Each structure stands twice: as C-alpha cells, then as structure tokens.
C-alpha cells in the first residue's frame, strides 16, 4: 500500500487507481502493483489523459472485436447482423 507521502506527492495516482478499480472490479487486486507503478509514472495532466485515452482505446477495440466476432458467427448461421447506435435503431 502506498504511504501518505506518496499520495501527497502524486495525487493523480489515486485517481488512476480509483478509475482502474471501477473498470477491473474483482481483478483489480491482481493488477494493483502494476497500476501503482504506472500511476507513479504519470505525473502531468497530459500523462493521465494519454493513459486514459489508451485504456479507452483498448476497451473500445476489445468491444469492437467482440461485436465483429459475434456478427461473423451469425452470418455463418445465415443471419444478417447490423449493429447501429440505439438512437438510430429500426426497432420501434
């Protein structure tokens, strides 16, 4: 666990840890050491923003891969699968 001095020196680290906990949930504990080390390296606001952009990009790419994999499986079964934003859905 980080000391109080570490928290005072780099308060952004707490923000990063909290955000990672919200994403990882029960998997946070097994990743806590690397998250703390990464957080200690992200000193500026730009560093933090770039890190969260990286996390968002990774999350989005994983989601898109999952959608495409499911679409391919549906096509193999003879279905047509189109993914659209909820507000543009044809379902009424």
PDB file of N, CA and C in Angstrom:
ATOM      1  N   UNK A   1       0.854  -1.179   0.000  1.00  0.00           N
ATOM      2  CA  UNK A   1       0.000   0.000   0.000  1.00  0.00           C
ATOM      3  C   UNK A   1       0.896   1.236   0.000  1.00  0.00           C
ATOM      4  N   UNK A   2       0.508   2.269  -0.701  1.00  0.00           N
ATOM      5  CA  UNK A   2       1.286   3.498  -0.777  1.00  0.00           C
ATOM      6  C   UNK A   2       1.249   4.241   0.550  1.00  0.00           C
ATOM      7  N   UNK A   3       2.310   4.959   0.801  1.00  0.00           N
ATOM      8  CA  UNK A   3       2.350   5.768   2.013  1.00  0.00           C
ATOM      9  C   UNK A   3       1.597   7.078   1.789  1.00  0.00           C
ATOM     10  N   UNK A   4       1.317   7.782   2.882  1.00  0.00           N
ATOM     11  CA  UNK A   4       0.648   9.086   2.787  1.00  0.00           C
ATOM     12  C   UNK A   4       1.492  10.063   1.979  1.00  0.00           C
ATOM     13  N   UNK A   5       2.807   9.982   2.115  1.00  0.00           N
ATOM     14  CA  UNK A   5       3.680  10.893   1.381  1.00  0.00           C
ATOM     15  C   UNK A   5       3.543  10.667  -0.119  1.00  0.00           C
ATOM     16  N   UNK A   6       3.447   9.407  -0.537  1.00  0.00           N
ATOM     17  CA  UNK A   6       3.263   9.111  -1.960  1.00  0.00           C
ATOM     18  C   UNK A   6       1.965   9.731  -2.477  1.00  0.00           C
ATOM     19  N   UNK A   7       0.908   9.661  -1.664  1.00  0.00           N
ATOM     20  CA  UNK A   7      -0.380  10.229  -2.070  1.00  0.00           C
ATOM     21  C   UNK A   7      -0.315  11.745  -2.200  1.00  0.00           C
ATOM     22  N   UNK A   8       0.454  12.373  -1.329  1.00  0.00           N
ATOM     23  CA  UNK A   8       0.579  13.825  -1.383  1.00  0.00           C
ATOM     24  C   UNK A   8       1.449  14.264  -2.558  1.00  0.00           C
ATOM     25  N   UNK A   9       2.468  13.492  -2.866  1.00  0.00           N
ATOM     26  CA  UNK A   9       3.388  13.840  -3.953  1.00  0.00           C
ATOM     27  C   UNK A   9       2.716  13.672  -5.314  1.00  0.00           C
ATOM     28  N   UNK A  10       1.930  12.623  -5.474  1.00  0.00           N
ATOM     29  CA  UNK A  10       1.292  12.348  -6.756  1.00  0.00           C
ATOM     30  C   UNK A  10      -0.190  12.007  -6.544  1.00  0.00           C
ATOM     31  N   UNK A  11      -1.038  13.029  -6.336  1.00  0.00           N
ATOM     32  CA  UNK A  11      -2.459  12.759  -6.091  1.00  0.00           C
ATOM     33  C   UNK A  11      -3.167  12.142  -7.297  1.00  0.00           C
ATOM     34  N   UNK A  12      -2.604  12.306  -8.503  1.00  0.00           N
ATOM     35  CA  UNK A  12      -3.212  11.713  -9.692  1.00  0.00           C
ATOM     36  C   UNK A  12      -3.209  10.190  -9.609  1.00  0.00           C
ATOM     37  N   UNK A  13      -2.247   9.655  -8.872  1.00  0.00           N
ATOM     38  CA  UNK A  13      -2.157   8.208  -8.718  1.00  0.00           C
ATOM     39  C   UNK A  13      -3.439   7.650  -8.101  1.00  0.00           C
ATOM     40  N   UNK A  14      -4.012   8.352  -7.128  1.00  0.00           N
ATOM     41  CA  UNK A  14      -5.260   7.893  -6.505  1.00  0.00           C
ATOM     42  C   UNK A  14      -6.408   7.893  -7.507  1.00  0.00           C
ATOM     43  N   UNK A  15      -6.449   8.908  -8.351  1.00  0.00           N
ATOM     44  CA  UNK A  15      -7.484   9.000  -9.384  1.00  0.00           C
ATOM     45  C   UNK A  15      -7.360   7.815 -10.345  1.00  0.00           C
ATOM     46  N   UNK A  16      -6.144   7.504 -10.731  1.00  0.00           N
ATOM     47  CA  UNK A  16      -5.898   6.398 -11.659  1.00  0.00           C
ATOM     48  C   UNK A  16      -6.290   5.074 -11.007  1.00  0.00           C
ATOM     49  N   UNK A  17      -5.905   4.890  -9.747  1.00  0.00           N
ATOM     50  CA  UNK A  17      -6.238   3.659  -9.042  1.00  0.00           C
ATOM     51  C   UNK A  17      -7.753   3.493  -8.921  1.00  0.00           C
ATOM     52  N   UNK A  18      -8.452   4.569  -8.610  1.00  0.00           N
ATOM     53  CA  UNK A  18      -9.911   4.507  -8.467  1.00  0.00           C
ATOM     54  C   UNK A  18     -10.565   4.151  -9.808  1.00  0.00           C
ATOM     55  N   UNK A  19     -10.109   4.796 -10.868  1.00  0.00           N
ATOM     56  CA  UNK A  19     -10.674   4.522 -12.190  1.00  0.00           C
ATOM     57  C   UNK A  19     -10.405   3.080 -12.617  1.00  0.00           C
ATOM     58  N   UNK A  20      -9.203   2.599 -12.349  1.00  0.00           N
ATOM     59  CA  UNK A  20      -8.870   1.215 -12.708  1.00  0.00           C
ATOM     60  C   UNK A  20      -9.685   0.229 -11.878  1.00  0.00           C
ATOM     61  N   UNK A  21      -9.946   0.565 -10.623  1.00  0.00           N
ATOM     62  CA  UNK A  21     -10.773  -0.303  -9.783  1.00  0.00           C
ATOM     63  C   UNK A  21     -12.189  -0.395 -10.355  1.00  0.00           C
ATOM     64  N   UNK A  22     -12.725   0.730 -10.831  1.00  0.00           N
ATOM     65  CA  UNK A  22     -14.073   0.738 -11.393  1.00  0.00           C
ATOM     66  C   UNK A  22     -14.161  -0.122 -12.652  1.00  0.00           C
ATOM     67  N   UNK A  23     -13.082  -0.171 -13.427  1.00  0.00           N
ATOM     68  CA  UNK A  23     -13.070  -0.964 -14.654  1.00  0.00           C
ATOM     69  C   UNK A  23     -12.796  -2.442 -14.356  1.00  0.00           C
ATOM     70  N   UNK A  24     -11.801  -2.691 -13.517  1.00  0.00           N
ATOM     71  CA  UNK A  24     -11.340  -4.064 -13.292  1.00  0.00           C
ATOM     72  C   UNK A  24     -12.148  -4.836 -12.250  1.00  0.00           C
ATOM     73  N   UNK A  25     -12.769  -4.122 -11.334  1.00  0.00           N
ATOM     74  CA  UNK A  25     -13.557  -4.711 -10.247  1.00  0.00           C
ATOM     75  C   UNK A  25     -12.784  -5.809  -9.525  1.00  0.00           C
ATOM     76  N   UNK A  26     -13.256  -7.058  -9.560  1.00  0.00           N
ATOM     77  CA  UNK A  26     -12.612  -8.127  -8.790  1.00  0.00           C
ATOM     78  C   UNK A  26     -11.213  -8.476  -9.298  1.00  0.00           C
ATOM     79  N   UNK A  27     -10.835  -8.011 -10.463  1.00  0.00           N
ATOM     80  CA  UNK A  27      -9.487  -8.280 -10.985  1.00  0.00           C
ATOM     81  C   UNK A  27      -8.485  -7.190 -10.591  1.00  0.00           C
ATOM     82  N   UNK A  28      -8.955  -6.165  -9.890  1.00  0.00           N
ATOM     83  CA  UNK A  28      -8.066  -5.066  -9.504  1.00  0.00           C
ATOM     84  C   UNK A  28      -6.903  -5.550  -8.639  1.00  0.00           C
ATOM     85  N   UNK A  29      -7.185  -6.361  -7.636  1.00  0.00           N
ATOM     86  CA  UNK A  29      -6.156  -6.778  -6.671  1.00  0.00           C
ATOM     87  C   UNK A  29      -4.973  -7.441  -7.353  1.00  0.00           C
ATOM     88  N   UNK A  30      -5.222  -8.283  -8.340  1.00  0.00           N
ATOM     89  CA  UNK A  30      -4.111  -8.965  -9.001  1.00  0.00           C
ATOM     90  C   UNK A  30      -3.294  -8.036  -9.894  1.00  0.00           C
ATOM     91  N   UNK A  31      -3.825  -6.845 -10.180  1.00  0.00           N
ATOM     92  CA  UNK A  31      -3.127  -5.865 -11.014  1.00  0.00           C
ATOM     93  C   UNK A  31      -2.673  -4.634 -10.239  1.00  0.00           C
ATOM     94  N   UNK A  32      -2.918  -4.610  -8.937  1.00  0.00           N
ATOM     95  CA  UNK A  32      -2.669  -3.407  -8.143  1.00  0.00           C
ATOM     96  C   UNK A  32      -1.215  -2.937  -8.202  1.00  0.00           C
ATOM     97  N   UNK A  33      -0.259  -3.852  -8.133  1.00  0.00           N
ATOM     98  CA  UNK A  33       1.152  -3.439  -8.145  1.00  0.00           C
ATOM     99  C   UNK A  33       1.524  -2.699  -9.416  1.00  0.00           C
ATOM    100  N   UNK A  34       1.123  -3.223 -10.560  1.00  0.00           N
ATOM    101  CA  UNK A  34       1.475  -2.560 -11.818  1.00  0.00           C
ATOM    102  C   UNK A  34       0.707  -1.253 -11.973  1.00  0.00           C
ATOM    103  N   UNK A  35      -0.518  -1.201 -11.484  1.00  0.00           N
ATOM    104  CA  UNK A  35      -1.294   0.040 -11.550  1.00  0.00           C
ATOM    105  C   UNK A  35      -0.615   1.122 -10.714  1.00  0.00           C
ATOM    106  N   UNK A  36      -0.131   0.762  -9.526  1.00  0.00           N
ATOM    107  CA  UNK A  36       0.577   1.730  -8.689  1.00  0.00           C
ATOM    108  C   UNK A  36       1.850   2.210  -9.366  1.00  0.00           C
ATOM    109  N   UNK A  37       2.575   1.304  -9.998  1.00  0.00           N
ATOM    110  CA  UNK A  37       3.821   1.697 -10.668  1.00  0.00           C
ATOM    111  C   UNK A  37       3.544   2.588 -11.875  1.00  0.00           C
ATOM    112  N   UNK A  38       2.502   2.255 -12.631  1.00  0.00           N
ATOM    113  CA  UNK A  38       2.132   3.100 -13.767  1.00  0.00           C
ATOM    114  C   UNK A  38       1.693   4.469 -13.262  1.00  0.00           C
ATOM    115  N   UNK A  39       0.859   4.484 -12.228  1.00  0.00           N
ATOM    116  CA  UNK A  39       0.368   5.746 -11.668  1.00  0.00           C
ATOM    117  C   UNK A  39       1.486   6.641 -11.191  1.00  0.00           C
ATOM    118  N   UNK A  40       2.535   6.059 -10.634  1.00  0.00           N
ATOM    119  CA  UNK A  40       3.672   6.854 -10.164  1.00  0.00           C
ATOM    120  C   UNK A  40       4.420   7.499 -11.325  1.00  0.00           C
ATOM    121  N   UNK A  41       4.291   6.914 -12.504  1.00  0.00           N
ATOM    122  CA  UNK A  41       4.978   7.454 -13.687  1.00  0.00           C
ATOM    123  C   UNK A  41       4.178   8.543 -14.392  1.00  0.00           C
ATOM    124  N   UNK A  42       2.895   8.605 -14.134  1.00  0.00           N
ATOM    125  CA  UNK A  42       2.028   9.581 -14.800  1.00  0.00           C
ATOM    126  C   UNK A  42       1.959  10.831 -13.935  1.00  0.00           C
ATOM    127  N   UNK A  43       2.826  11.768 -14.212  1.00  0.00           N
ATOM    128  CA  UNK A  43       2.988  12.919 -13.332  1.00  0.00           C
ATOM    129  C   UNK A  43       2.153  14.117 -13.766  1.00  0.00           C
ATOM    130  N   UNK A  44       2.047  14.344 -15.068  1.00  0.00           N
ATOM    131  CA  UNK A  44       1.334  15.530 -15.556  1.00  0.00           C
ATOM    132  C   UNK A  44      -0.109  15.190 -15.934  1.00  0.00           C
ATOM    133  N   UNK A  45      -0.918  16.229 -16.101  1.00  0.00           N
ATOM    134  CA  UNK A  45      -2.289  16.023 -16.569  1.00  0.00           C
ATOM    135  C   UNK A  45      -2.289  15.371 -17.946  1.00  0.00           C
ATOM    136  N   UNK A  46      -1.342  15.773 -18.791  1.00  0.00           N
ATOM    137  CA  UNK A  46      -1.231  15.187 -20.128  1.00  0.00           C
ATOM    138  C   UNK A  46      -0.943  13.700 -20.071  1.00  0.00           C
ATOM    139  N   UNK A  47      -0.080  13.302 -19.130  1.00  0.00           N
ATOM    140  CA  UNK A  47       0.218  11.878 -18.948  1.00  0.00           C
ATOM    141  C   UNK A  47      -1.049  11.113 -18.589  1.00  0.00           C
ATOM    142  N   UNK A  48      -1.809  11.642 -17.644  1.00  0.00           N
ATOM    143  CA  UNK A  48      -3.039  10.977 -17.199  1.00  0.00           C
ATOM    144  C   UNK A  48      -4.059  10.889 -18.330  1.00  0.00           C
ATOM    145  N   UNK A  49      -4.226  11.976 -19.062  1.00  0.00           N
ATOM    146  CA  UNK A  49      -5.174  11.974 -20.180  1.00  0.00           C
ATOM    147  C   UNK A  49      -4.758  10.965 -21.240  1.00  0.00           C
ATOM    148  N   UNK A  50      -3.462  10.917 -21.553  1.00  0.00           N
ATOM    149  CA  UNK A  50      -2.972   9.964 -22.552  1.00  0.00           C
ATOM    150  C   UNK A  50      -3.180   8.524 -22.079  1.00  0.00           C
ATOM    151  N   UNK A  51      -2.961   8.276 -20.787  1.00  0.00           N
ATOM    152  CA  UNK A  51      -3.158   6.939 -20.241  1.00  0.00           C
ATOM    153  C   UNK A  51      -4.625   6.523 -20.337  1.00  0.00           C
ATOM    154  N   UNK A  52      -5.531   7.424 -19.951  1.00  0.00           N
ATOM    155  CA  UNK A  52      -6.951   7.082 -20.008  1.00  0.00           C
ATOM    156  C   UNK A  52      -7.441   6.946 -21.445  1.00  0.00           C
ATOM    157  N   UNK A  53      -6.844   7.685 -22.371  1.00  0.00           N
ATOM    158  CA  UNK A  53      -7.176   7.502 -23.785  1.00  0.00           C
ATOM    159  C   UNK A  53      -6.735   6.114 -24.230  1.00  0.00           C
ATOM    160  N   UNK A  54      -5.551   5.682 -23.800  1.00  0.00           N
ATOM    161  CA  UNK A  54      -5.076   4.340 -24.114  1.00  0.00           C
ATOM    162  C   UNK A  54      -6.028   3.284 -23.566  1.00  0.00           C
ATOM    163  N   UNK A  55      -6.444   3.432 -22.312  1.00  0.00           N
ATOM    164  CA  UNK A  55      -7.369   2.475 -21.697  1.00  0.00           C
ATOM    165  C   UNK A  55      -8.687   2.450 -22.471  1.00  0.00           C
ATOM    166  N   UNK A  56      -9.208   3.625 -22.826  1.00  0.00           N
ATOM    167  CA  UNK A  56     -10.471   3.696 -23.571  1.00  0.00           C
ATOM    168  C   UNK A  56     -10.322   3.059 -24.953  1.00  0.00           C
ATOM    169  N   UNK A  57      -9.198   3.307 -25.613  1.00  0.00           N
ATOM    170  CA  UNK A  57      -8.964   2.701 -26.923  1.00  0.00           C
ATOM    171  C   UNK A  57      -8.896   1.177 -26.821  1.00  0.00           C
ATOM    172  N   UNK A  58      -8.211   0.664 -25.804  1.00  0.00           N
ATOM    173  CA  UNK A  58      -8.132  -0.785 -25.606  1.00  0.00           C
ATOM    174  C   UNK A  58      -9.521  -1.374 -25.348  1.00  0.00           C
ATOM    175  N   UNK A  59     -10.281  -0.718 -24.500  1.00  0.00           N
ATOM    176  CA  UNK A  59     -11.638  -1.175 -24.178  1.00  0.00           C
ATOM    177  C   UNK A  59     -12.511  -1.180 -25.434  1.00  0.00           C
ATOM    178  N   UNK A  60     -12.432  -0.093 -26.210  1.00  0.00           N
ATOM    179  CA  UNK A  60     -13.237   0.005 -27.420  1.00  0.00           C
ATOM    180  C   UNK A  60     -12.833  -1.054 -28.445  1.00  0.00           C
ATOM    181  N   UNK A  61     -11.543  -1.270 -28.620  1.00  0.00           N
ATOM    182  CA  UNK A  61     -11.093  -2.273 -29.582  1.00  0.00           C
ATOM    183  C   UNK A  61     -11.545  -3.677 -29.167  1.00  0.00           C
ATOM    184  N   UNK A  62     -11.505  -3.970 -27.873  1.00  0.00           N
ATOM    185  CA  UNK A  62     -11.996  -5.255 -27.398  1.00  0.00           C
ATOM    186  C   UNK A  62     -13.480  -5.419 -27.666  1.00  0.00           C
ATOM    187  N   UNK A  63     -14.224  -4.354 -27.431  1.00  0.00           N
ATOM    188  CA  UNK A  63     -15.665  -4.382 -27.679  1.00  0.00           C
ATOM    189  C   UNK A  63     -15.954  -4.602 -29.162  1.00  0.00           C
ATOM    190  N   UNK A  64     -15.263  -3.835 -30.022  1.00  0.00           N
ATOM    191  CA  UNK A  64     -15.487  -3.967 -31.460  1.00  0.00           C
ATOM    192  C   UNK A  64     -15.105  -5.352 -31.961  1.00  0.00           C
ATOM    193  N   UNK A  65     -14.041  -5.922 -31.422  1.00  0.00           N
ATOM    194  CA  UNK A  65     -13.652  -7.287 -31.806  1.00  0.00           C
ATOM    195  C   UNK A  65     -14.747  -8.266 -31.422  1.00  0.00           C
ATOM    196  N   UNK A  66     -15.288  -8.103 -30.234  1.00  0.00           N
ATOM    197  CA  UNK A  66     -16.365  -8.981 -29.781  1.00  0.00           C
ATOM    198  C   UNK A  66     -17.586  -8.859 -30.694  1.00  0.00           C
ATOM    199  N   UNK A  67     -17.962  -7.637 -31.030  1.00  0.00           N
ATOM    200  CA  UNK A  67     -19.109  -7.411 -31.917  1.00  0.00           C
ATOM    201  C   UNK A  67     -18.865  -8.069 -33.269  1.00  0.00           C
ATOM    202  N   UNK A  68     -17.679  -7.866 -33.833  1.00  0.00           N
ATOM    203  CA  UNK A  68     -17.374  -8.445 -35.141  1.00  0.00           C
ATOM    204  C   UNK A  68     -17.334  -9.969 -35.095  1.00  0.00           C
ATOM    205  N   UNK A  69     -16.769 -10.523 -34.031  1.00  0.00           N
ATOM    206  CA  UNK A  69     -16.747 -11.986 -33.882  1.00  0.00           C
ATOM    207  C   UNK A  69     -18.163 -12.547 -33.819  1.00  0.00           C
ATOM    208  N   UNK A  70     -19.046 -11.896 -33.060  1.00  0.00           N
ATOM    209  CA  UNK A  70     -20.439 -12.351 -32.969  1.00  0.00           C
ATOM    210  C   UNK A  70     -21.155 -12.199 -34.311  1.00  0.00           C
ATOM    211  N   UNK A  71     -20.883 -11.098 -34.992  1.00  0.00           N
ATOM    212  CA  UNK A  71     -21.501 -10.878 -36.307  1.00  0.00           C
ATOM    213  C   UNK A  71     -21.091 -11.999 -37.264  1.00  0.00           C
ATOM    214  N   UNK A  72     -19.799 -12.345 -37.287  1.00  0.00           N
ATOM    215  CA  UNK A  72     -19.316 -13.413 -38.165  1.00  0.00           C
ATOM    216  C   UNK A  72     -20.014 -14.738 -37.865  1.00  0.00           C
ATOM    217  N   UNK A  73     -20.201 -15.040 -36.582  1.00  0.00           N
ATOM    218  CA  UNK A  73     -20.883 -16.276 -36.213  1.00  0.00           C
ATOM    219  C   UNK A  73     -22.341 -16.270 -36.673  1.00  0.00           C
ATOM    220  N   UNK A  74     -23.011 -15.135 -36.547  1.00  0.00           N
ATOM    221  CA  UNK A  74     -24.396 -15.030 -37.011  1.00  0.00           C
ATOM    222  C   UNK A  74     -24.490 -15.173 -38.526  1.00  0.00           C
ATOM    223  N   UNK A  75     -23.544 -14.567 -39.244  1.00  0.00           N
ATOM    224  CA  UNK A  75     -23.539 -14.681 -40.706  1.00  0.00           C
ATOM    225  C   UNK A  75     -23.353 -16.136 -41.114  1.00  0.00           C
ATOM    226  N   UNK A  76     -22.477 -16.858 -40.421  1.00  0.00           N
ATOM    227  CA  UNK A  76     -22.271 -18.285 -40.715  1.00  0.00           C
ATOM    228  C   UNK A  76     -23.549 -19.089 -40.520  1.00  0.00           C
ATOM    229  N   UNK A  77     -24.412 -18.630 -39.633  1.00  0.00           N
ATOM    230  CA  UNK A  77     -25.687 -19.303 -39.389  1.00  0.00           C
ATOM    231  C   UNK A  77     -26.790 -18.825 -40.326  1.00  0.00           C
ATOM    232  N   UNK A  78     -26.452 -17.876 -41.228  1.00  0.00           N
ATOM    233  CA  UNK A  78     -27.419 -17.393 -42.203  1.00  0.00           C
ATOM    234  C   UNK A  78     -28.181 -16.144 -41.800  1.00  0.00           C
ATOM    235  N   UNK A  79     -27.780 -15.519 -40.711  1.00  0.00           N
ATOM    236  CA  UNK A  79     -28.436 -14.284 -40.272  1.00  0.00           C
ATOM    237  C   UNK A  79     -27.687 -13.077 -40.814  1.00  0.00           C
ATOM    238  N   UNK A  80     -28.406 -11.975 -40.920  1.00  0.00           N
ATOM    239  CA  UNK A  80     -27.775 -10.702 -41.262  1.00  0.00           C
ATOM    240  C   UNK A  80     -27.717  -9.897 -39.977  1.00  0.00           C
ATOM    241  N   UNK A  81     -26.532  -9.471 -39.613  1.00  0.00           N
ATOM    242  CA  UNK A  81     -26.357  -8.734 -38.360  1.00  0.00           C
ATOM    243  C   UNK A  81     -25.842  -7.333 -38.661  1.00  0.00           C
ATOM    244  N   UNK A  82     -26.592  -6.342 -38.190  1.00  0.00           N
ATOM    245  CA  UNK A  82     -26.184  -4.951 -38.335  1.00  0.00           C
ATOM    246  C   UNK A  82     -26.209  -4.311 -36.960  1.00  0.00           C
ATOM    247  N   UNK A  83     -25.111  -3.696 -36.587  1.00  0.00           N
ATOM    248  CA  UNK A  83     -25.034  -3.032 -35.287  1.00  0.00           C
ATOM    249  C   UNK A  83     -25.119  -1.535 -35.532  1.00  0.00           C
ATOM    250  N   UNK A  84     -26.109  -0.904 -34.891  1.00  0.00           N
ATOM    251  CA  UNK A  84     -26.298   0.536 -35.035  1.00  0.00           C
ATOM    252  C   UNK A  84     -26.455   1.148 -33.650  1.00  0.00           C
ATOM    253  N   UNK A  85     -26.178   2.435 -33.507  1.00  0.00           N
ATOM    254  CA  UNK A  85     -26.411   3.086 -32.220  1.00  0.00           C
ATOM    255  C   UNK A  85     -27.882   2.985 -31.851  1.00  0.00           C
ATOM    256  N   UNK A  86     -28.156   2.927 -30.560  1.00  0.00           N
ATOM    257  CA  UNK A  86     -29.522   2.731 -30.078  1.00  0.00           C
ATOM    258  C   UNK A  86     -30.491   3.783 -30.606  1.00  0.00           C
ATOM    259  N   UNK A  87     -30.065   5.034 -30.711  1.00  0.00           N
ATOM    260  CA  UNK A  87     -30.970   6.091 -31.168  1.00  0.00           C
ATOM    261  C   UNK A  87     -31.267   6.017 -32.649  1.00  0.00           C
ATOM    262  N   UNK A  88     -30.545   5.167 -33.408  1.00  0.00           N
ATOM    263  CA  UNK A  88     -30.805   5.024 -34.829  1.00  0.00           C
ATOM    264  C   UNK A  88     -31.362   3.644 -35.153  1.00  0.00           C
ATOM    265  N   UNK A  89     -31.792   2.944 -34.147  1.00  0.00           N
ATOM    266  CA  UNK A  89     -32.313   1.603 -34.333  1.00  0.00           C
ATOM    267  C   UNK A  89     -33.630   1.639 -35.099  1.00  0.00           C
ATOM    268  N   UNK A  90     -33.849   0.606 -35.881  1.00  0.00           N
ATOM    269  CA  UNK A  90     -35.115   0.494 -36.625  1.00  0.00           C
ATOM    270  C   UNK A  90     -36.193  -0.172 -35.800  1.00  0.00           C
ATOM    271  N   UNK A  91     -35.853  -0.598 -34.604  1.00  0.00           N
ATOM    272  CA  UNK A  91     -36.824  -1.260 -33.736  1.00  0.00           C
ATOM    273  C   UNK A  91     -37.713  -0.209 -33.086  1.00  0.00           C
ATOM    274  N   UNK A  92     -39.015  -0.400 -33.174  1.00  0.00           N
ATOM    275  CA  UNK A  92     -39.946   0.567 -32.571  1.00  0.00           C
ATOM    276  C   UNK A  92     -40.863  -0.114 -31.602  1.00  0.00           C
TER     277      UNK A  92
END
